[in-house]
Amino acid sequence: MKRLILLLLLITFGVGQEAITVQAQTVNCAQPFGYAKNTEFIYQVTDKGRAKGTLHNMVIQQTSPEAGINQIEFKSARINHKKRPQTAEEFHIICKGDSVYLDAKLLLREQALKSFYGKEFDYIMKDIAYPSSLAVGQTLPSAGLDVRVRSSQVNLTRILMNTGLRQVVAQETIKTPAGTFDCFKITYQYTVSLDAMGLPMKDVFQVEEYFSPEHGLIKIQFYTKKGKKAKGLELISRRDRAS
């Protein structure tokens, strides 16, 4: 698995250096996750516990397309372990009502982008929702992405990605190179189904995510059905590229 996401594969939030008190946190819709234009958030990417490059998320702009809605656009660039760029895409974060929503396209696995390079994609999305107030024991909404891959108006394949059984299971303090953070631990099941010209395939992963309402994603780890580590992300740096 090459994505989650590099999530939620995701992924994707601003982080400061100070410790955080979870109980006092709520999402600031005017600036969700402390985002500011030109700020870059860098994650260490791992595969089976081994370093596999970095993920760089740069905030591009902040807009308010409608009253009560705040939208953040960011560019996500994947750099491999040889420090060579692999992918560069743009995603959004939308804050409205009592929740923040991450672009469901973060669920799309990197292999799909490589395998179908140059093809056309049609998306049906249900973005990844984070309520402004979190509590242990809370059930979170599922999210999903339905992708139809086409070439010259011919349907080549369909890819379905879903995050289900999302639960807030604990509060834990997490230390990373970017600092020490009090987080909510969220677990869920990530399922990928692929129908390539009538040949169905399916992968299921268990996911552990450490999330701060004020600062966003701190760490995420995917596990195979046998309990072995697959892809992972850990926040290692935050910097202002404008300075």
Protein backbone atom coordinates (compact mmCIF):
# COMPACT_ATOMS: atom_id res chain seq x y z
CA MET A 1 0.00 0.00 0.00
CA LYS A 2 1.40 3.32 -1.08
CA ARG A 3 -1.02 5.85 0.30
CA LEU A 4 -2.91 7.19 3.09
CA ILE A 5 -2.94 7.73 2.98
CA LEU A 6 -0.38 8.96 3.12
CA LEU A 7 -4.80 10.05 5.38
CA LEU A 8 -6.23 10.95 5.69
CA LEU A 9 -3.05 8.35 2.87
CA LEU A 10 -4.81 12.63 4.60
CA ILE A 11 -3.47 14.02 5.10
CA THR A 12 -1.91 16.91 6.63
CA PHE A 13 -2.16 19.36 9.47
CA GLY A 14 -0.24 22.16 11.14
CA VAL A 15 1.59 21.51 14.41
CA GLY A 16 3.34 23.68 17.00
CA GLN A 17 6.08 22.69 19.41
CA GLU A 18 4.19 23.04 22.68
CA ALA A 19 2.32 20.36 24.64
CA ILE A 20 -1.46 20.44 24.34
CA THR A 21 -4.32 19.88 26.77
CA VAL A 22 -6.90 17.73 24.99
CA GLN A 23 -9.92 18.58 27.11
CA ALA A 24 -9.63 22.30 26.29
CA GLN A 25 -9.40 21.85 22.53
CA THR A 26 -12.00 22.75 19.95
CA VAL A 27 -11.54 23.35 16.26
CA ASN A 28 -11.09 27.01 15.31
CA CYS A 29 -13.05 27.21 12.07
CA ALA A 30 -11.42 30.52 11.15
CA GLN A 31 -8.08 28.72 10.98
CA PRO A 32 -8.56 24.94 11.32
CA PHE A 33 -5.54 23.07 12.69
CA GLY A 34 -3.56 26.32 12.97
CA TYR A 35 -3.11 26.55 9.21
CA ALA A 36 -1.50 29.67 7.76
CA LYS A 37 -0.57 30.45 4.18
CA ASN A 38 2.92 29.30 3.14
CA THR A 39 3.31 27.07 6.20
CA GLU A 40 4.77 23.64 5.41
CA PHE A 41 4.20 20.47 7.43
CA ILE A 42 6.62 17.59 6.91
CA TYR A 43 5.86 13.95 7.71
CA GLN A 44 8.18 10.96 7.80
CA VAL A 45 6.75 8.21 5.60
CA THR A 46 7.37 4.61 6.66
CA ASP A 47 6.63 1.23 5.14
CA LYS A 48 6.83 -1.87 7.35
CA GLY A 49 8.53 0.33 9.95
CA ARG A 50 11.29 1.50 7.61
CA ALA A 51 11.75 5.12 6.45
CA LYS A 52 10.58 5.63 2.87
CA GLY A 53 10.92 9.36 2.26
CA THR A 54 8.82 12.31 3.35
CA LEU A 55 5.47 13.97 2.68
CA HIS A 56 5.45 17.79 2.41
CA ASN A 57 2.14 19.63 2.81
CA MET A 58 2.20 23.33 1.91
CA VAL A 59 -0.77 25.62 2.62
CA ILE A 60 -1.56 27.57 -0.56
CA GLN A 61 -4.59 29.68 0.27
CA GLN A 62 -7.56 30.20 2.55
CA THR A 63 -10.98 31.23 1.22
CA SER A 64 -14.60 31.54 2.34
CA PRO A 65 -16.72 30.42 -0.63
CA GLU A 66 -19.96 30.80 1.37
CA ALA A 67 -21.02 32.39 4.64
CA GLY A 68 -20.01 30.15 7.53
CA ILE A 69 -17.67 28.02 5.43
CA ASN A 70 -13.88 28.23 5.54
CA GLN A 71 -11.76 26.36 3.01
CA ILE A 72 -8.02 25.67 3.04
CA GLU A 73 -6.17 24.56 -0.09
CA PHE A 74 -2.83 22.76 0.26
CA LYS A 75 -0.33 21.06 -2.01
CA SER A 76 0.97 17.64 -0.99
CA ALA A 77 4.31 16.51 -2.42
CA ARG A 78 5.77 13.04 -1.90
CA ILE A 79 9.59 12.85 -1.80
CA ASN A 80 11.15 9.38 -1.92
CA HIS A 81 14.09 8.13 0.18
CA LYS A 82 16.47 9.25 -2.58
CA LYS A 83 15.10 12.80 -2.17
CA ARG A 84 13.44 12.68 -5.57
CA PRO A 85 9.88 13.97 -6.09
CA GLN A 86 7.29 11.29 -6.82
CA THR A 87 3.87 12.91 -6.73
CA ALA A 88 2.41 16.40 -6.23
CA GLU A 89 -1.32 16.96 -5.77
CA GLU A 90 -3.68 19.54 -4.30
CA PHE A 91 -6.32 18.86 -1.63
CA HIS A 92 -8.74 20.80 0.55
CA ILE A 93 -9.90 21.13 4.13
CA ILE A 94 -13.41 22.51 4.69
CA CYS A 95 -14.69 23.78 8.01
CA LYS A 96 -18.44 24.26 8.34
CA GLY A 97 -21.03 23.80 11.04
CA ASP A 98 -19.63 21.70 13.86
CA SER A 99 -17.10 19.69 11.82
CA VAL A 100 -13.95 19.86 9.73
CA TYR A 101 -13.81 17.79 6.54
CA LEU A 102 -10.68 16.43 4.84
CA ASP A 103 -10.62 15.83 1.11
CA ALA A 104 -11.67 12.21 0.46
CA LYS A 105 -9.16 12.05 -2.40
CA LEU A 106 -6.52 11.61 0.30
CA LEU A 107 -7.79 8.03 0.49
CA LEU A 108 -6.63 7.27 -3.04
CA ARG A 109 -3.64 4.95 -3.02
CA GLU A 110 -0.47 6.10 -4.75
CA GLN A 111 -0.26 2.90 -6.82
CA ALA A 112 -3.51 3.84 -8.54
CA LEU A 113 -2.13 7.19 -9.64
CA LYS A 114 0.97 5.52 -11.04
CA SER A 115 -0.83 2.58 -12.62
CA PHE A 116 -3.35 4.79 -14.40
CA TYR A 117 -1.13 7.76 -15.19
CA GLY A 118 -2.57 9.84 -18.03
CA LYS A 119 -6.07 8.38 -17.64
CA GLU A 120 -9.23 10.27 -16.64
CA PHE A 121 -10.70 10.00 -13.14
CA ASP A 122 -14.31 10.53 -12.06
CA TYR A 123 -14.85 10.87 -8.29
CA ILE A 124 -17.77 10.34 -5.94
CA MET A 125 -16.60 11.49 -2.51
CA LYS A 126 -17.65 11.46 1.12
CA ASP A 127 -15.05 13.58 2.89
CA ILE A 128 -13.39 12.56 6.18
CA ALA A 129 -15.23 14.30 9.02
CA TYR A 130 -13.81 15.38 12.38
CA PRO A 131 -16.40 16.88 14.80
CA SER A 132 -15.25 20.04 16.54
CA SER A 133 -15.57 18.31 19.91
CA LEU A 134 -14.15 14.82 20.47
CA ALA A 135 -14.54 12.44 23.41
CA VAL A 136 -13.36 8.93 24.21
CA GLY A 137 -16.03 6.41 23.21
CA GLN A 138 -17.34 8.58 20.39
CA THR A 139 -18.21 7.03 17.01
CA LEU A 140 -17.11 9.11 14.02
CA PRO A 141 -18.70 9.22 10.56
CA SER A 142 -17.38 6.90 7.89
CA ALA A 143 -15.73 8.29 4.75
CA GLY A 144 -15.27 6.99 1.25
CA LEU A 145 -14.09 7.51 -2.30
CA ASP A 146 -15.49 5.90 -5.45
CA VAL A 147 -13.15 6.33 -8.43
CA ARG A 148 -13.98 5.46 -12.03
CA VAL A 149 -10.93 5.31 -14.30
CA ARG A 150 -11.58 6.02 -17.97
CA SER A 151 -9.65 6.15 -21.22
CA SER A 152 -11.27 7.63 -24.34
CA GLN A 153 -14.72 7.26 -22.72
CA VAL A 154 -14.09 3.56 -21.99
CA ASN A 155 -14.35 2.52 -18.34
CA LEU A 156 -11.16 0.71 -17.34
CA THR A 157 -11.66 0.06 -13.66
CA ARG A 158 -13.43 1.10 -10.48
CA ILE A 159 -11.67 1.65 -7.14
CA LEU A 160 -13.61 1.87 -3.88
CA MET A 161 -11.95 3.14 -0.69
CA ASN A 162 -13.73 3.30 2.65
CA THR A 163 -12.91 4.15 6.26
CA GLY A 164 -15.40 2.47 8.57
CA LEU A 165 -15.84 1.65 12.25
CA ARG A 166 -14.14 4.92 13.24
CA GLN A 167 -13.93 5.14 17.03
CA VAL A 168 -12.24 7.50 19.50
CA VAL A 169 -10.69 4.94 21.86
CA ALA A 170 -8.25 6.83 24.11
CA GLN A 171 -6.29 9.95 24.95
CA GLU A 172 -2.51 9.57 24.73
CA THR A 173 0.59 11.75 24.79
CA ILE A 174 2.69 11.35 21.63
CA LYS A 175 6.29 12.49 21.18
CA THR A 176 7.66 13.16 17.69
CA PRO A 177 10.60 15.21 16.36
CA ALA A 178 8.11 18.09 16.05
CA GLY A 179 7.24 18.12 19.77
CA THR A 180 5.08 16.48 22.44
CA PHE A 181 1.33 16.38 21.89
CA ASP A 182 -1.72 15.20 23.81
CA CYS A 183 -3.88 13.42 21.24
CA PHE A 184 -7.05 11.47 20.72
CA LYS A 185 -6.38 7.96 19.47
CA ILE A 186 -8.79 7.06 16.67
CA THR A 187 -9.04 3.56 15.21
CA TYR A 188 -10.80 2.48 12.05
CA GLN A 189 -10.86 -0.02 9.22
CA TYR A 190 -9.54 1.04 5.81
CA THR A 191 -10.81 -1.05 2.90
CA VAL A 192 -9.73 -0.87 -0.74
CA SER A 193 -11.65 -2.73 -3.42
CA LEU A 194 -10.55 -2.81 -7.05
CA ASP A 195 -12.43 -4.15 -10.05
CA ALA A 196 -10.01 -4.22 -12.98
CA MET A 197 -11.79 -5.45 -16.09
CA GLY A 198 -13.80 -7.97 -14.09
CA LEU A 199 -10.92 -9.08 -11.81
CA PRO A 200 -11.89 -8.13 -8.22
CA MET A 201 -9.26 -7.49 -5.55
CA LYS A 202 -9.62 -6.33 -1.95
CA ASP A 203 -7.28 -5.16 0.85
CA VAL A 204 -8.29 -4.47 4.45
CA PHE A 205 -6.12 -2.56 6.95
CA GLN A 206 -6.58 -1.66 10.60
CA VAL A 207 -5.53 1.92 11.33
CA GLU A 208 -4.39 3.76 14.46
CA GLU A 209 -4.46 7.54 14.17
CA TYR A 210 -3.30 10.14 16.72
CA PHE A 211 -5.17 13.38 16.21
CA SER A 212 -5.17 16.81 17.88
CA PRO A 213 -8.21 19.07 17.27
CA GLU A 214 -5.94 22.11 17.51
CA HIS A 215 -3.00 20.82 15.46
CA GLY A 216 -4.39 17.93 13.41
CA LEU A 217 -2.70 14.69 12.45
CA ILE A 218 0.34 13.81 14.56
CA LYS A 219 0.86 10.17 13.67
CA ILE A 220 -0.89 7.37 11.78
CA GLN A 221 -0.06 3.68 11.36
CA PHE A 222 -1.64 1.07 9.08
CA TYR A 223 -1.60 -2.64 9.95
CA THR A 224 -2.26 -5.66 7.75
CA LYS A 225 -4.85 -8.30 8.63
CA LYS A 226 -2.01 -10.26 10.26
CA GLY A 227 -1.15 -7.32 12.51
CA LYS A 228 2.07 -6.35 10.71
CA LYS A 229 2.99 -2.73 10.08
CA ALA A 230 2.22 -1.36 6.62
CA LYS A 231 2.32 2.35 5.75
CA GLY A 232 2.77 5.03 8.39
CA LEU A 233 3.20 8.79 8.86
CA GLU A 234 4.73 10.84 11.67
CA LEU A 235 4.98 14.60 11.91
CA ILE A 236 8.64 15.62 12.06
CA SER A 237 8.68 19.35 11.25
CA ARG A 238 6.65 22.51 10.78
CA ARG A 239 8.08 25.62 9.14
CA ASP A 240 7.05 28.93 7.59
CA ARG A 241 8.30 29.02 4.01
CA ALA A 242 7.51 32.75 3.72
CA SER A 243 10.13 33.77 6.29
